[in-house]
Protein backbone atom coordinates (compact mmCIF):
# COMPACT_ATOMS: atom_id res chain seq x y z
CA MET A 1 8.23 -7.15 15.05
CA ILE A 2 8.07 -3.43 14.38
CA THR A 3 5.50 -1.99 11.98
CA SER A 4 5.69 0.79 9.44
CA MET A 5 3.40 3.82 9.46
CA THR A 6 2.75 3.57 5.71
CA GLY A 7 -0.39 1.70 4.71
CA PHE A 8 -3.58 1.65 2.68
CA GLY A 9 -6.83 -0.24 3.00
CA SER A 10 -10.46 -0.13 1.93
CA GLY A 11 -13.68 -1.64 3.19
CA ARG A 12 -17.16 -1.84 1.73
CA ARG A 13 -20.59 -2.76 3.05
CA GLU A 14 -23.89 -3.13 1.23
CA ALA A 15 -27.34 -3.42 2.76
CA PRO A 16 -30.88 -2.77 1.53
CA GLY A 17 -30.91 0.88 0.52
CA LEU A 18 -27.25 1.41 1.45
CA ASN A 19 -23.85 1.42 -0.25
CA LEU A 20 -20.93 2.31 2.01
CA ALA A 21 -17.19 2.54 1.33
CA VAL A 22 -14.25 3.47 3.58
CA GLU A 23 -10.68 4.15 2.42
CA ILE A 24 -7.79 4.65 4.84
CA LYS A 25 -4.34 6.00 3.98
CA THR A 26 -1.57 6.31 6.57
CA VAL A 27 1.88 7.92 6.46
CA ASN A 28 4.48 8.77 9.07
CA HIS A 29 3.83 11.37 11.75
CA ARG A 30 5.23 11.98 15.23
CA HIS A 31 1.83 11.44 16.87
CA LEU A 32 -1.55 9.96 15.91
CA ASP A 33 -3.09 12.57 13.58
CA LEU A 34 -6.59 11.62 12.41
CA HIS A 35 -8.40 13.28 9.47
CA VAL A 36 -11.87 11.89 8.77
CA ARG A 37 -13.82 13.03 5.71
CA ILE A 38 -17.46 11.99 5.97
CA PRO A 39 -20.55 13.45 4.26
CA SER A 40 -21.82 16.42 6.25
CA GLU A 41 -25.23 14.88 6.90
CA PHE A 42 -23.55 11.97 8.74
CA GLN A 43 -21.11 13.99 10.86
CA GLY A 44 -22.67 12.50 13.97
CA LEU A 45 -21.11 9.12 13.07
CA GLU A 46 -17.54 10.43 12.89
CA ALA A 47 -16.93 9.63 16.56
CA VAL A 48 -17.40 5.87 16.07
CA VAL A 49 -14.88 5.92 13.22
CA ARG A 50 -12.31 7.79 15.31
CA LYS A 51 -12.76 5.34 18.17
CA ALA A 52 -12.13 2.38 15.86
CA LEU A 53 -9.02 4.01 14.44
CA ALA A 54 -7.55 4.98 17.82
CA SER A 55 -7.99 1.42 19.11
CA ARG A 56 -5.73 0.01 16.38
CA LEU A 57 -3.28 2.77 15.44
CA LYS A 58 -0.82 4.54 17.73
CA ARG A 59 1.21 6.83 15.45
CA GLY A 60 0.99 8.32 11.97
CA ARG A 61 -1.12 10.69 9.91
CA VAL A 62 -4.35 8.89 9.04
CA ASP A 63 -6.64 10.10 6.24
CA VAL A 64 -10.05 8.45 6.10
CA PHE A 65 -12.43 8.91 3.16
CA ILE A 66 -16.02 7.75 3.70
CA ARG A 67 -18.70 7.50 1.02
CA ILE A 68 -22.29 6.75 2.06
CA GLU A 69 -25.00 6.32 -0.58
CA LEU A 70 -28.59 5.87 0.59
CA THR A 71 -30.80 4.47 -2.14
CA ARG A 72 -34.04 3.90 -0.26
CA SER A 73 -37.10 5.90 -1.40
CA SER A 74 -37.41 7.87 1.84
CA VAL A 75 -34.20 9.76 1.09
CA ARG A 76 -34.97 13.27 -0.14
CA LEU A 77 -32.98 15.48 -2.47
CA GLU A 78 -33.27 19.09 -1.42
CA ALA A 79 -32.41 22.02 -3.69
CA ASN A 80 -31.19 25.32 -2.29
CA GLN A 81 -33.18 27.45 -4.70
CA ASP A 82 -31.82 30.80 -3.51
CA LEU A 83 -28.26 29.58 -3.95
CA ILE A 84 -29.01 28.12 -7.38
CA ALA A 85 -30.63 31.42 -8.43
CA SER A 86 -27.43 33.21 -7.41
CA TYR A 87 -25.37 30.77 -9.47
CA VAL A 88 -27.63 31.34 -12.51
CA LYS A 89 -27.40 35.11 -12.12
CA LEU A 90 -23.61 34.88 -11.87
CA VAL A 91 -23.45 32.74 -15.03
CA GLU A 92 -25.57 35.30 -16.93
CA GLU A 93 -23.32 38.15 -15.79
CA LEU A 94 -20.20 36.26 -16.85
CA ARG A 95 -21.71 35.49 -20.27
CA SER A 96 -22.39 39.18 -20.82
CA GLN A 97 -18.72 39.97 -20.22
CA PHE A 98 -16.91 36.90 -21.57
CA PRO A 99 -17.36 34.52 -24.54
CA ILE A 100 -18.82 31.66 -22.47
CA SER A 101 -20.90 29.02 -24.27
CA GLY A 102 -22.95 26.03 -23.14
CA ASP A 103 -26.13 25.51 -21.11
CA LEU A 104 -26.41 25.19 -17.36
CA THR A 105 -27.86 21.65 -16.99
CA PHE A 106 -29.19 19.79 -13.96
CA GLU A 107 -26.00 17.70 -13.92
CA GLY A 108 -23.97 20.87 -13.80
CA ILE A 109 -26.14 22.32 -11.04
CA SER A 110 -25.85 19.11 -9.00
CA LYS A 111 -22.07 19.56 -8.89
CA LEU A 112 -22.25 23.11 -7.53
CA PRO A 113 -21.26 23.25 -3.83
CA GLY A 114 -24.35 23.39 -1.62
CA ALA A 115 -26.85 23.45 -4.50
CA ILE A 116 -28.34 20.00 -3.84
CA THR A 117 -28.12 18.07 -0.58
CA VAL A 118 -29.28 14.69 0.67
CA SER A 119 -31.55 14.78 3.68
CA SER A 120 -31.23 11.90 6.13
CA GLN A 121 -33.59 13.29 8.76
CA ASP A 122 -36.11 10.59 7.98
CA MET A 123 -33.80 7.89 9.33
CA GLY A 124 -35.06 6.50 12.60
CA PRO A 125 -32.93 5.52 15.61
CA ASP A 126 -32.80 1.86 14.56
CA GLU A 127 -31.68 2.78 11.05
CA LEU A 128 -28.96 5.08 12.37
CA THR A 129 -27.77 2.32 14.70
CA ALA A 130 -27.64 -0.12 11.79
CA LEU A 131 -25.76 2.41 9.65
CA SER A 132 -23.28 2.97 12.47
CA GLY A 133 -22.69 -0.79 12.70
CA HIS A 134 -22.07 -1.07 8.95
CA LEU A 135 -19.70 1.89 9.11
CA VAL A 136 -17.67 0.31 11.91
CA GLU A 137 -17.50 -3.00 10.02
CA ALA A 138 -16.24 -1.27 6.85
CA THR A 139 -13.71 0.71 8.89
CA GLU A 140 -12.46 -2.47 10.60
CA ALA A 141 -12.11 -4.21 7.23
CA ALA A 142 -10.07 -1.28 5.88
CA LEU A 143 -7.94 -1.27 9.05
CA GLU A 144 -7.15 -4.96 8.59
CA GLN A 145 -5.67 -4.20 5.18
CA VAL A 146 -3.80 -1.18 6.55
CA GLN A 147 -2.31 -3.23 9.38
CA ASP A 148 -1.33 -6.02 7.01
CA MET A 149 0.50 -3.59 4.71
CA ARG A 150 2.17 -1.84 7.66
CA ALA A 151 3.35 -5.19 8.99
CA ARG A 152 4.88 -6.15 5.62
CA GLU A 153 6.59 -2.77 5.41
CA GLY A 154 7.77 -3.30 8.98
CA VAL A 155 9.58 -6.52 8.04
CA ALA A 156 11.54 -4.67 5.36
CA LEU A 157 12.27 -1.82 7.78
CA ALA A 158 13.50 -4.21 10.48
CA ARG A 159 15.83 -5.90 8.00
CA ASP A 160 17.35 -2.57 6.97
CA LEU A 161 17.70 -1.38 10.58
CA SER A 162 19.38 -4.63 11.60
CA GLY A 163 21.93 -4.34 8.79
CA ARG A 164 22.83 -0.81 9.81
CA ILE A 165 23.15 -1.75 13.47
CA ASP A 166 25.55 -4.53 12.46
CA ALA A 167 27.59 -1.97 10.51
CA ILE A 168 27.78 0.28 13.58
CA ARG A 169 28.89 -2.68 15.74
CA SER A 170 31.71 -3.36 13.28
CA CYS A 171 32.81 0.29 13.48
CA LEU A 172 32.59 0.18 17.27
CA GLU A 173 34.89 -2.86 17.30
CA THR A 174 37.42 -0.84 15.30
CA ILE A 175 37.17 1.94 17.86
CA THR A 176 37.59 -0.53 20.74
CA GLN A 177 40.74 -1.96 19.21
CA GLY A 178 42.16 1.48 18.57
CA ALA A 179 41.39 2.62 22.11
CA ALA A 180 43.49 -0.13 23.69
CA GLY A 181 46.72 1.84 23.38
CA LEU A 182 45.40 5.35 23.98
CA LEU A 183 46.48 5.55 27.63
CA ASP A 184 50.09 4.62 26.83
CA HIS A 185 50.05 6.91 23.83
CA HIS A 186 48.95 9.93 25.88
CA ARG A 187 51.52 9.20 28.59
CA GLU A 188 54.36 8.96 26.09
CA LEU A 189 53.19 12.04 24.23
CA LEU A 190 53.10 14.18 27.37
CA LEU A 191 56.46 12.96 28.62
CA LYS A 192 58.03 13.68 25.25
CA ARG A 193 56.52 17.15 25.11
CA VAL A 194 57.73 18.08 28.59
CA ALA A 195 61.20 16.77 27.80
CA GLU A 196 61.30 18.92 24.67
CA LEU A 197 60.21 22.09 26.45
CA ALA A 198 62.39 21.78 29.58
CA PRO A 199 65.42 19.60 28.88
CA LYS A 200 67.52 21.23 31.57
CA LEU A 201 64.86 21.36 34.28
CA GLU A 202 64.68 18.84 37.03
CA VAL A 203 61.45 16.96 36.67
CA ASP A 204 59.70 14.96 39.33
CA SER A 205 59.02 11.80 37.33
CA ASN A 206 56.39 10.52 39.76
CA ARG A 207 54.45 13.78 39.66
CA LEU A 208 54.77 13.86 35.89
CA GLU A 209 53.42 10.35 35.52
CA VAL A 210 50.44 11.17 37.75
CA GLU A 211 49.61 14.22 35.64
CA ALA A 212 50.08 12.21 32.46
CA LEU A 213 47.64 9.60 33.73
CA MET A 214 45.14 12.27 34.70
CA TYR A 215 45.38 13.74 31.21
CA ALA A 216 45.05 10.30 29.65
CA GLU A 217 41.98 9.50 31.74
CA LYS A 218 40.29 12.63 30.40
CA SER A 219 40.85 11.24 26.92
CA ASP A 220 39.77 7.69 27.82
CA ILE A 221 36.78 6.54 25.70
CA ALA A 222 36.04 3.26 27.49
CA GLU A 223 32.82 4.57 29.06
CA GLU A 224 31.55 5.90 25.74
CA ILE A 225 32.28 2.56 24.08
CA THR A 226 30.41 0.69 26.84
CA ARG A 227 27.38 2.98 26.65
CA MET A 228 27.38 2.78 22.85
CA GLY A 229 27.29 -1.02 23.04
CA SER A 230 24.41 -0.87 25.50
CA HIS A 231 22.43 1.46 23.23
CA LEU A 232 22.97 -0.88 20.29
CA ASP A 233 21.70 -3.86 22.30
CA GLN A 234 18.59 -1.94 23.39
CA PHE A 235 17.93 -0.78 19.83
CA ALA A 236 18.21 -4.35 18.51
CA ARG A 237 15.72 -5.59 21.12
CA LEU A 238 13.23 -2.88 20.11
CA GLY A 239 13.41 -4.13 16.53
CA GLU A 240 12.24 -7.57 17.68
CA ARG A 241 9.29 -6.45 19.76
CA ALA A 242 5.78 -5.44 18.81
CA GLY A 243 4.21 -2.16 19.87
CA GLU A 244 5.20 1.48 19.76
CA ALA A 245 8.98 1.36 19.23
CA GLY A 246 9.67 4.35 16.98
CA LYS A 247 9.93 6.98 19.72
CA ARG A 248 12.27 4.82 21.81
CA MET A 249 14.44 4.14 18.78
CA ASP A 250 14.67 7.84 18.00
CA PHE A 251 15.78 8.56 21.58
CA LEU A 252 18.45 5.84 21.46
CA LEU A 253 19.80 7.23 18.20
CA GLN A 254 20.17 10.64 19.83
CA GLU A 255 22.16 9.04 22.65
CA MET A 256 24.32 7.10 20.18
CA ASN A 257 25.09 10.28 18.30
CA ARG A 258 26.06 11.96 21.59
CA GLU A 259 28.49 9.14 22.47
CA VAL A 260 30.19 9.02 19.08
CA THR A 261 30.54 12.82 19.07
CA THR A 262 32.35 12.60 22.42
CA ILE A 263 34.60 9.82 21.09
CA LEU A 264 35.56 11.91 18.09
CA SER A 265 36.24 14.92 20.29
CA LYS A 266 38.50 12.98 22.64
CA THR A 267 40.52 11.28 19.88
CA SER A 268 40.95 14.10 17.36
CA GLY A 269 44.50 14.86 16.25
CA LEU A 270 46.04 11.63 17.51
CA ASN A 271 48.33 9.11 15.82
CA HIS A 272 47.35 6.31 13.45
CA SER A 273 45.04 4.75 16.06
CA GLY A 274 43.23 8.06 16.46
CA ALA A 275 42.80 8.36 12.70
CA ALA A 276 41.26 4.89 12.53
CA ILE A 277 38.94 5.75 15.39
CA GLY A 278 38.01 9.00 13.70
CA GLN A 279 37.08 7.28 10.43
CA ALA A 280 35.06 4.64 12.27
CA GLY A 281 33.27 7.39 14.23
CA ILE A 282 32.38 9.25 11.04
CA ASP A 283 31.05 6.02 9.52
CA ILE A 284 28.89 5.53 12.62
CA LYS A 285 27.47 9.03 12.28
CA VAL A 286 26.56 8.32 8.65
CA GLU A 287 24.73 5.13 9.67
CA ILE A 288 22.95 6.95 12.50
CA ASP A 289 21.66 9.58 10.06
CA LYS A 290 20.32 6.84 7.78
CA LEU A 291 18.74 5.08 10.75
CA ARG A 292 17.03 8.30 11.78
CA GLU A 293 15.43 8.58 8.37
CA GLN A 294 14.12 5.03 8.56
CA VAL A 295 12.97 5.30 12.17
CA GLN A 296 10.70 8.22 11.21
CA ASN A 297 8.43 5.63 9.60
CA VAL A 298 8.43 3.16 12.51
CA GLU A 299 5.23 3.14 14.57
């Protein structure tokens, strides 16, 4: 079954001296668009996260939030004293110009961008390897939840898509029934028009019938109906298969819209049958627009 591109999941891992959390949010996007937010001191581990994501997700905007807390004693807190001095000087200048109250505490300083950083340079190769393993495990756990949510959303999407495809099939049946008498209608219409314009002229009836048939064939919508039915069948099969179906669905909807536009063009201004075909064609266009909105969220 198809899957949605909307999902959320989180994963956590704890080890001696380590607390690690990963959150993943996904929404619709034409391509796979990854955004990984990881503490700057662990930027070297971003590649393993991206690899895990790309192996499971094919489309969608993916936002990943990673929190890594090292609690072992070898972790050092480093203060950027020059930067902090600049902050303090700025605060004093602002106080001299504005009615600002309150003291600048260590807690306040710790929240200033770049004032205090965590140094992980003491981590050895084995520790970094272990951290990388924990990070991948937490990412995989979050991805499992994301995939589960996307699959549930996909079931609801497939149900809605199927209902709209059935509605289009019903409209196409109306068009098929109305098209049955179009050839005879065009022939009679042309003969009547010629008779009205030249009642006293000798008319070659055989030549006239040939031209009437040629005109009618230009207005024949049998090919469009056949192609429309084929597109509907292909679309329905995509809804039952796993994998990347959204792009194929979007292409088929473009082709469906092209066929129904041609049908409407060929049957505009006709008798009662043409009016019925026209209404059915408009209804199909409405359903196609709704399908396009839904397909934007199909992976």
